[in-house]
Protein backbone atom coordinates (compact mmCIF):
# COMPACT_ATOMS: atom_id res chain seq x y z
CA UNK A 1 154.87 215.36 38.85
CA UNK A 2 157.80 214.32 37.11
CA UNK A 3 159.55 211.15 37.62
CA UNK A 4 162.13 212.63 40.06
CA UNK A 5 159.65 214.50 42.45
CA UNK A 6 158.01 211.10 42.87
CA UNK A 7 160.96 208.90 43.46
CA UNK A 8 162.27 211.69 45.56
CA UNK A 9 158.78 211.62 47.85
CA UNK A 10 159.46 207.88 47.73
CA UNK A 11 162.68 208.02 49.12
CA UNK A 12 162.07 210.67 51.95
CA UNK A 13 159.16 208.46 53.26
CA UNK A 14 161.89 204.95 52.97
CA UNK A 15 164.26 207.20 54.84
CA UNK A 16 162.36 207.71 57.61
CA UNK A 17 160.86 204.60 57.84
CA UNK A 18 164.28 203.03 58.29
CA UNK A 19 165.47 205.74 60.56
CA UNK A 20 162.22 204.95 62.87
CA UNK A 21 162.55 201.21 62.53
CA UNK A 22 165.99 199.75 62.20
CA UNK A 23 166.18 199.36 65.26
CA UNK A 24 162.91 196.87 65.44
CA UNK A 25 164.89 195.35 62.23
CA UNK A 26 168.05 194.59 64.27
CA UNK A 27 165.76 192.85 67.16
CA UNK A 28 164.13 191.13 64.46
CA UNK A 29 167.41 189.64 63.20
CA UNK A 30 168.65 188.76 66.41
CA UNK A 31 165.46 186.54 67.45
CA UNK A 32 165.72 184.77 63.74
CA UNK A 33 169.35 184.00 64.62
CA UNK A 34 169.02 183.07 68.31
CA UNK A 35 165.54 181.28 68.20
CA UNK A 36 164.49 180.77 64.99
CA UNK A 37 167.78 179.32 63.43
CA UNK A 38 168.34 176.78 66.35
CA UNK A 39 165.32 175.29 65.92
CA UNK A 40 165.42 174.77 62.09
CA UNK A 41 169.31 173.27 62.60
CA UNK A 42 167.63 170.25 65.00
CA UNK A 43 164.05 170.18 63.15
CA UNK A 44 165.97 169.77 59.47
CA UNK A 45 169.38 168.14 60.57
CA UNK A 46 171.46 171.03 58.85
CA UNK A 47 174.92 170.45 58.57
CA UNK A 48 177.58 173.17 58.73
CA UNK A 49 177.26 174.42 55.58
CA UNK A 50 173.50 174.95 55.47
CA UNK A 51 173.92 176.95 59.11
CA UNK A 52 176.68 179.05 57.66
CA UNK A 53 174.69 179.70 54.40
CA UNK A 54 171.25 180.58 56.75
CA UNK A 55 173.64 182.83 59.23
CA UNK A 56 175.00 184.57 55.89
CA UNK A 57 171.30 185.54 55.00
CA UNK A 58 170.38 186.83 58.71
CA UNK A 59 173.26 188.98 58.69
CA UNK A 60 171.92 190.62 55.80
CA UNK A 61 170.42 193.63 57.95
CA UNK A 62 169.27 195.66 54.85
CA UNK A 63 167.16 192.36 53.72
CA UNK A 64 165.29 191.55 57.20
CA UNK A 65 164.78 195.49 57.06
CA UNK A 66 162.34 195.17 53.70
CA UNK A 67 161.34 191.97 55.16
CA UNK A 68 160.35 194.09 57.88
CA UNK A 69 158.89 196.94 56.12
CA UNK A 70 156.72 194.70 53.76
CA UNK A 71 154.84 193.53 56.56
CA UNK A 72 154.55 197.20 57.90
CA UNK A 73 156.63 196.20 60.57
CA UNK A 74 154.48 193.99 62.34
CA UNK A 75 157.06 191.37 64.14
CA UNK A 76 154.69 188.09 63.75
CA UNK A 77 154.02 188.28 60.28
CA UNK A 78 157.69 189.14 59.37
CA UNK A 79 158.56 186.48 61.92
CA UNK A 80 156.85 183.82 59.64
CA UNK A 81 157.89 185.90 56.46
CA UNK A 82 161.69 185.27 57.37
CA UNK A 83 161.15 181.79 58.46
CA UNK A 84 159.59 180.54 55.10
CA UNK A 85 161.93 182.41 52.86
CA UNK A 86 164.80 180.67 54.71
CA UNK A 87 163.54 177.42 54.47
CA UNK A 88 163.34 178.24 50.51
CA UNK A 89 166.60 179.45 50.10
CA UNK A 90 167.74 176.15 51.69
CA UNK A 91 165.89 173.98 49.03
CA UNK A 92 165.64 176.14 46.02
CA UNK A 93 169.18 178.22 46.18
CA UNK A 94 172.73 175.97 45.94
CA UNK A 95 175.56 176.29 47.50
CA UNK A 96 177.49 176.61 44.15
CA UNK A 97 175.81 179.26 42.08
CA UNK A 98 176.27 179.22 38.43
CA UNK A 99 176.64 182.18 35.92
CA UNK A 100 174.45 182.09 32.89
CA UNK A 101 176.19 182.47 29.72
CA UNK A 102 173.99 185.12 28.45
CA UNK A 103 173.08 187.28 31.26
CA UNK A 104 168.95 188.12 31.57
CA UNK A 105 169.32 191.08 33.88
CA UNK A 106 172.09 193.31 33.60
CA UNK A 107 173.73 195.76 35.67
CA UNK A 108 175.29 199.01 34.57
CA UNK A 109 178.84 199.84 36.67
CA UNK A 110 178.94 201.10 39.70
CA UNK A 111 179.35 204.78 38.71
CA UNK A 112 176.38 204.84 37.22
CA UNK A 113 173.43 205.53 39.61
CA UNK A 114 170.44 207.54 39.71
CA UNK A 115 170.20 211.18 41.27
CA UNK A 116 169.34 208.73 44.36
CA UNK A 117 172.70 206.84 44.19
CA UNK A 118 170.82 203.69 43.53
CA UNK A 119 172.73 201.14 41.05
CA UNK A 120 170.76 200.99 37.59
CA UNK A 121 169.65 197.26 36.09
CA UNK A 122 169.08 197.45 32.61
CA UNK A 123 166.29 194.07 31.61
CA UNK A 124 165.56 193.49 28.07
CA UNK A 125 162.31 191.43 28.57
CA UNK A 126 162.27 190.14 24.91
CA UNK A 127 165.46 187.64 25.83
CA UNK A 128 164.16 186.22 28.71
CA UNK A 129 160.98 185.44 26.91
CA UNK A 130 162.40 184.06 24.20
CA UNK A 131 165.00 182.10 26.31
CA UNK A 132 165.05 178.54 25.66
CA UNK A 133 164.71 176.03 28.19
CA UNK A 134 162.59 176.86 32.01
CA UNK A 135 164.71 180.61 33.03
CA UNK A 136 163.22 180.43 36.54
CA UNK A 137 166.13 178.66 37.89
CA UNK A 138 168.58 181.40 36.06
CA UNK A 139 165.93 183.81 37.08
CA UNK A 140 166.40 182.97 41.33
CA UNK A 141 170.05 183.03 40.17
CA UNK A 142 169.97 186.54 39.07
CA UNK A 143 167.70 187.73 41.95
CA UNK A 144 170.08 186.56 44.26
CA UNK A 145 173.17 187.86 42.75
CA UNK A 146 171.30 191.10 42.85
CA UNK A 147 170.99 191.00 46.97
CA UNK A 148 174.69 190.18 47.47
CA UNK A 149 175.53 192.87 45.02
CA UNK A 150 173.67 195.38 47.78
CA UNK A 151 175.00 193.73 50.43
CA UNK A 152 178.64 194.36 48.91
CA UNK A 153 177.99 198.14 47.90
CA UNK A 154 177.06 198.75 51.67
CA UNK A 155 179.60 196.83 53.57
CA UNK A 156 182.10 198.82 51.18
CA UNK A 157 180.53 202.45 52.54
CA UNK A 158 182.27 203.81 55.33
CA UNK A 159 179.75 205.13 57.50
CA UNK A 160 181.98 208.02 58.57
CA UNK A 161 181.82 209.59 55.16
CA UNK A 162 178.24 210.40 55.17
CA UNK A 163 176.40 213.50 56.74
CA UNK A 164 173.87 212.92 59.73
CA UNK A 165 172.86 208.88 59.94
CA UNK A 166 174.20 206.40 57.44
CA UNK A 167 171.45 204.79 55.11
CA UNK A 168 172.23 202.25 52.99
CA UNK A 169 171.51 201.58 49.38
CA UNK A 170 168.20 199.59 49.46
CA UNK A 171 166.95 199.24 46.32
CA UNK A 172 167.46 199.13 42.44
CA UNK A 173 165.77 201.31 39.41
CA UNK A 174 164.94 198.82 36.77
CA UNK A 175 164.91 199.91 33.09
CA UNK A 176 162.72 197.14 31.02
CA UNK A 177 163.03 197.15 27.58
CA UNK A 178 160.14 195.52 25.84
CA UNK A 179 161.35 196.10 22.20
CA UNK A 180 160.54 193.36 19.53
CA UNK A 181 157.68 191.41 21.82
CA UNK A 182 154.11 190.79 20.95
CA UNK A 183 151.11 189.08 23.14
CA UNK A 184 152.19 186.00 20.88
CA UNK A 185 155.76 186.21 23.05
CA UNK A 186 154.10 187.29 26.46
CA UNK A 187 154.21 184.02 28.97
CA UNK A 188 151.71 185.15 31.44
CA UNK A 189 152.63 181.89 33.75
CA UNK A 190 156.48 183.25 34.04
CA UNK A 191 155.53 186.65 34.64
CA UNK A 192 153.13 185.68 37.11
CA UNK A 193 155.29 183.65 38.58
CA UNK A 194 157.95 186.00 39.05
CA UNK A 195 155.50 188.57 40.88
CA UNK A 196 154.04 186.19 43.25
CA UNK A 197 156.50 183.86 43.82
CA UNK A 198 160.32 185.02 43.20
CA UNK A 199 159.61 188.56 44.43
CA UNK A 200 158.55 187.89 47.75
CA UNK A 201 161.55 186.17 48.23
CA UNK A 202 163.31 189.21 47.89
CA UNK A 203 160.99 192.16 48.54
CA UNK A 204 161.69 195.65 48.48
CA UNK A 205 164.58 195.51 45.74
CA UNK A 206 163.26 197.73 43.33
CA UNK A 207 162.48 201.51 43.49
CA UNK A 208 161.56 202.41 40.49
CA UNK A 209 160.55 200.27 36.60
CA UNK A 210 160.90 202.33 33.58
CA UNK A 211 159.62 200.52 30.57
CA UNK A 212 161.46 202.19 27.78
CA UNK A 213 160.33 202.08 24.03
CA UNK A 214 156.64 201.65 24.45
CA UNK A 215 154.21 201.83 21.77
CA UNK A 216 150.81 201.17 21.16
CA UNK A 217 151.20 197.60 19.76
CA UNK A 218 152.55 196.88 23.39
CA UNK A 219 149.05 198.20 25.06
CA UNK A 220 147.56 194.32 24.78
CA UNK A 221 150.40 193.44 26.35
CA UNK A 222 150.31 196.12 29.37
CA UNK A 223 146.86 195.31 29.51
CA UNK A 224 147.70 191.38 30.69
CA UNK A 225 150.63 192.41 33.12
CA UNK A 226 148.30 195.15 34.64
CA UNK A 227 145.63 192.74 36.12
CA UNK A 228 148.22 190.60 37.65
CA UNK A 229 150.63 193.46 39.17
CA UNK A 230 149.20 194.67 42.53
CA UNK A 231 148.39 198.23 43.17
CA UNK A 232 151.36 199.09 45.58
CA UNK A 233 153.28 197.71 42.32
CA UNK A 234 151.44 199.77 39.66
CA UNK A 235 152.61 202.92 41.80
CA UNK A 236 156.23 202.56 40.84
CA UNK A 237 156.16 201.60 36.84
CA UNK A 238 156.83 204.78 34.81
CA UNK A 239 156.30 204.77 30.71
CA UNK A 240 158.54 207.60 30.58
CA UNK A 241 160.27 208.89 26.80
CA UNK A 242 163.48 209.51 25.40
CA UNK A 243 163.76 212.84 26.95
CA UNK A 244 162.12 212.16 30.15
CA UNK A 245 164.23 209.33 30.66
CA UNK A 246 167.05 211.72 30.33
CA UNK A 247 166.05 214.33 32.46
CA UNK A 248 166.01 211.74 35.46
CA UNK A 249 169.21 209.42 34.72
CA UNK A 250 172.07 211.99 33.14
CA UNK A 251 173.24 210.68 29.80
CA UNK A 252 177.05 209.59 31.76
CA UNK A 253 174.50 207.02 33.11
CA UNK A 254 173.00 205.46 30.32
CA UNK A 255 174.63 203.25 27.28
CA UNK A 256 174.37 204.64 23.98
CA UNK A 257 171.09 202.51 23.37
CA UNK A 258 169.35 204.91 25.56
CA UNK A 259 170.92 208.00 25.05
CA UNK A 260 173.77 207.80 26.78
CA UNK A 261 177.25 208.25 26.15
CA UNK A 262 178.74 205.40 27.57
CA UNK A 263 179.71 202.54 25.64
CA UNK A 264 177.00 200.08 24.20
CA UNK A 265 175.90 197.54 26.67
CA UNK A 266 177.54 194.97 25.11
CA UNK A 267 180.93 196.48 25.96
CA UNK A 268 180.12 197.35 29.23
CA UNK A 269 181.32 196.05 32.58
CA UNK A 270 178.50 193.97 34.57
CA UNK A 271 179.24 194.65 38.50
CA UNK A 272 176.96 191.05 39.46
CA UNK A 273 179.38 188.90 37.17
CA UNK A 274 182.31 189.33 39.81
CA UNK A 275 179.66 189.09 43.25
CA UNK A 276 180.00 185.34 43.17
CA UNK A 277 183.41 182.95 41.79
CA UNK A 278 184.31 180.82 40.72
CA UNK A 279 182.17 181.44 37.29
CA UNK A 280 181.22 178.62 35.46
CA UNK A 281 178.49 177.56 32.64
CA UNK A 282 174.84 176.77 33.49
CA UNK A 283 174.08 173.05 32.70
CA UNK A 284 171.80 172.89 30.12
CA UNK A 285 169.12 170.02 30.00
CA UNK A 286 170.67 167.68 27.00
CA UNK A 287 166.62 166.40 26.71
CA UNK A 288 163.29 166.70 28.15
CA UNK A 289 163.84 164.04 30.58
CA UNK A 290 166.04 165.85 32.53
CA UNK A 291 164.31 166.47 35.60
CA UNK A 292 164.38 169.03 37.96
CA UNK A 293 166.30 166.98 41.12
CA UNK A 294 168.80 165.85 38.64
CA UNK A 295 169.80 169.72 37.74
CA UNK A 296 169.01 170.13 41.49
CA UNK A 297 172.11 167.05 42.37
CA UNK A 298 174.38 168.37 39.74
CA UNK A 299 174.73 172.09 40.83
CA UNK A 300 175.29 170.87 44.76
CA UNK A 301 171.82 171.53 46.34
CA UNK A 302 172.38 169.50 49.80
CA UNK A 303 169.33 167.02 50.36
CA UNK A 304 167.22 169.96 52.19
CA UNK A 305 163.58 168.98 52.36
CA UNK A 306 161.37 170.88 50.20
CA UNK A 307 158.55 172.28 51.74
CA UNK A 308 155.71 170.03 51.45
CA UNK A 309 152.66 172.44 51.08
CA UNK A 310 151.77 176.13 52.35
CA UNK A 311 148.54 177.01 53.60
CA UNK A 312 145.99 178.84 51.25
CA UNK A 313 145.52 182.09 53.51
CA UNK A 314 149.55 182.19 53.88
CA UNK A 315 151.09 185.47 52.77
CA UNK A 316 153.54 183.09 50.75
CA UNK A 317 150.84 182.13 48.68
CA UNK A 318 151.14 183.25 45.12
CA UNK A 319 147.32 181.72 44.39
CA UNK A 320 145.64 183.18 48.02
CA UNK A 321 142.30 180.84 48.70
CA UNK A 322 143.62 177.72 47.08
CA UNK A 323 145.33 174.52 48.05
CA UNK A 324 149.10 174.94 46.50
CA UNK A 325 151.97 171.64 46.91
CA UNK A 326 155.65 172.61 46.69
CA UNK A 327 156.44 168.69 46.28
CA UNK A 328 159.73 168.41 44.06
CA UNK A 329 159.72 171.51 42.28
CA UNK A 330 161.35 174.99 43.66
CA UNK A 331 158.55 177.57 43.85
CA UNK A 332 154.96 176.22 45.03
CA UNK A 333 152.24 174.92 42.45
CA UNK A 334 148.35 174.56 42.23
CA UNK A 335 147.69 171.24 43.87
CA UNK A 336 144.59 170.32 41.40
CA UNK A 337 146.40 171.91 38.56
CA UNK A 338 144.23 174.62 38.23
CA UNK A 339 141.94 177.15 40.46
CA UNK A 340 138.97 175.59 41.60
CA UNK A 341 135.48 177.70 43.16
CA UNK A 342 135.01 175.03 45.30
CA UNK A 343 138.63 175.13 46.92
CA UNK A 344 137.98 178.96 47.07
CA UNK A 345 134.47 178.74 48.37
CA UNK A 346 135.94 176.42 51.23
CA UNK A 347 139.07 178.73 52.51
CA UNK A 348 136.23 181.71 52.56
CA UNK A 349 134.03 179.53 54.72
CA UNK A 350 137.26 178.81 57.02
CA UNK A 351 138.15 182.51 56.87
CA UNK A 352 134.11 183.09 57.64
CA UNK A 353 133.91 180.42 60.62
CA UNK A 354 137.73 181.59 62.35
CA UNK A 355 136.37 185.08 62.28
CA UNK A 356 132.45 184.48 63.90
CA UNK A 357 132.85 181.14 65.90
CA UNK A 358 132.93 182.65 69.00
CA UNK A 359 130.00 184.68 68.33
CA UNK A 360 127.74 181.86 67.01
CA UNK A 361 128.58 179.81 69.65
CA UNK A 362 127.63 182.70 72.23
CA UNK A 363 124.75 182.94 70.24
CA UNK A 364 123.98 179.23 70.55
CA UNK A 365 124.18 179.08 74.30
CA UNK A 366 121.81 181.78 74.36
CA UNK A 367 119.07 180.40 72.39
CA UNK A 368 119.51 177.36 74.20
CA UNK A 369 118.97 178.99 77.73
CA UNK A 370 116.25 180.54 76.24
CA UNK A 371 114.62 177.40 75.34
CA UNK A 372 114.92 175.69 78.56
CA UNK A 373 113.67 178.69 80.55
CA UNK A 374 110.50 178.68 78.43
CA UNK A 375 110.02 175.42 78.58
CA UNK A 376 110.08 175.09 82.27
CA UNK A 377 107.62 178.56 82.82
CA UNK A 378 105.18 176.71 80.25
CA UNK A 379 105.41 172.69 80.20
CA UNK A 380 102.99 172.40 77.38
CA UNK A 381 103.30 175.56 74.71
CA UNK A 382 100.67 174.30 72.38
CA UNK A 383 97.25 174.65 73.23
CA UNK A 384 94.29 172.52 73.99
CA UNK A 385 91.10 172.38 75.71
CA UNK A 386 89.99 171.67 78.98
CA UNK A 387 86.16 172.00 80.24
CA UNK A 388 85.12 175.64 80.37
CA UNK A 389 86.15 177.49 83.49
CA UNK A 390 84.42 180.77 82.64
CA UNK A 391 82.82 182.70 79.72
CA UNK A 392 83.25 185.99 78.83
CA UNK A 393 81.49 188.24 76.24
CA UNK A 394 83.14 191.01 74.22
CA UNK A 395 80.88 193.50 72.16
CA UNK A 396 83.89 195.00 69.36
CA UNK A 397 81.24 197.36 68.11
CA UNK A 398 80.78 198.83 71.85
CA UNK A 399 84.26 197.72 73.11
CA UNK A 400 82.49 196.21 76.02
CA UNK A 401 84.28 193.69 77.60
CA UNK A 402 82.97 191.23 80.08
CA UNK A 403 84.71 188.45 81.58
CA UNK A 404 83.86 186.08 84.65
CA UNK A 405 87.07 184.09 84.99
CA UNK A 406 89.99 184.87 86.90
CA UNK A 407 92.55 182.34 86.35
CA UNK A 408 95.62 183.03 84.73
CA UNK A 409 96.67 180.81 82.16
CA UNK A 410 93.75 180.07 79.49
CA UNK A 411 93.54 178.90 75.54
CA UNK A 412 91.13 181.38 73.81
CA UNK A 413 89.20 179.60 71.01
CA UNK A 414 87.48 182.31 69.05
CA UNK A 415 84.43 182.17 66.84
CA UNK A 416 82.74 184.75 65.24
CA UNK A 417 79.20 185.69 63.24
CA UNK A 418 77.92 188.59 61.14
CA UNK A 419 81.60 189.40 60.36
CA UNK A 420 80.46 189.98 56.44
CA UNK A 421 78.17 192.85 57.79
CA UNK A 422 79.80 196.23 58.29
CA UNK A 423 77.83 197.33 60.86
CA UNK A 424 77.07 194.47 62.74
CA UNK A 425 77.99 193.64 66.37
CA UNK A 426 80.41 190.75 66.35
CA UNK A 427 79.96 188.26 69.69
CA UNK A 428 83.28 187.18 70.46
CA UNK A 429 82.60 184.15 72.78
CA UNK A 430 86.18 183.18 74.41
CA UNK A 431 86.12 180.15 75.89
CA UNK A 432 88.59 180.26 79.32
CA UNK A 433 90.32 176.53 80.29
CA UNK A 434 92.27 176.22 83.22
CA UNK A 435 95.39 174.49 82.03
CA UNK A 436 96.33 171.42 83.76
């Protein structure tokens, strides 16, 4: 099956889900704006600017729908995710957005689309891995630009120009150029952070990833990355050749470096540059002593309380099962610096107890009731001897039983002889002692 056929099936499924669940997303959006946001304003003491920023994100219907879809249209989970994302945005995204001197994620001109009218991104992985300093805040900035770009595209589209029900642009198609990278260049911490911490804040924005310039030399890198990717993401990753790429995306929508008829990538206009104004340079740290709080204050971040911790079983925990802490960082980190087995066992025990505690309580109550009832009927459970009240002879060979006792409660004391001789009869004497 070609890339076009696979992505067409995914697009048809997405359109169907959007048409069926957009009303639920609108209700979710209304609940967030009318119930969740006022509570956060009172809890955190947000000023007018912070409230405006929060409402701007809540008014992005496509972002709310993507969160709703990520949780399989389950309202409680989507509400929790949206609330946590809103807290993260207030703490991590500055009021004034800065532009990096070298764009790590580039968007092709708006006229360049895939067959399903989705914008095309080009990401040169080597530039990200070899960029000086910590590029995490820059990647957060780029992801916010991508969200705002989709929002601007949908707001500029007239629903009356489309046939049938209007379906907005929900996703991008990304071309990952992995030329000139090796296993030594691979930063697994950055890759893990991007997949498990940043992507959940901007869910569902990538429809497909086409890995370009892949060769046998990159098999080691792909083996490392493949281990941390979820199965849902693996189904959207393709490794096309130049001809297969041109069969999916026309030459008129690709730069010269990738077999297209457009100008070189450096000469093409990047729509992301016009998303947020005014442009300015991202301040670079002058020394290793510059801390994250200093950069945050210089970039216009408001003193919003950071998220102190995330439960080990939260869906937003990038290290599920392990305790994390978000203090003095934009994203959560392992609380103890590593994944300890004792923390995982503690989480598993907690999950088991939360699942079975009611049944355990019920079994304990039943066992206690049985002990009480049994103790009342048999106050002396263990055996003891009393004066003989009767005698019974049992002939094992002849199966003849003689008993002269009529009482009901007895303690049996057995004695046997001739057990070593197979043909010998065994006389069993039963001392029937009446219980007190």
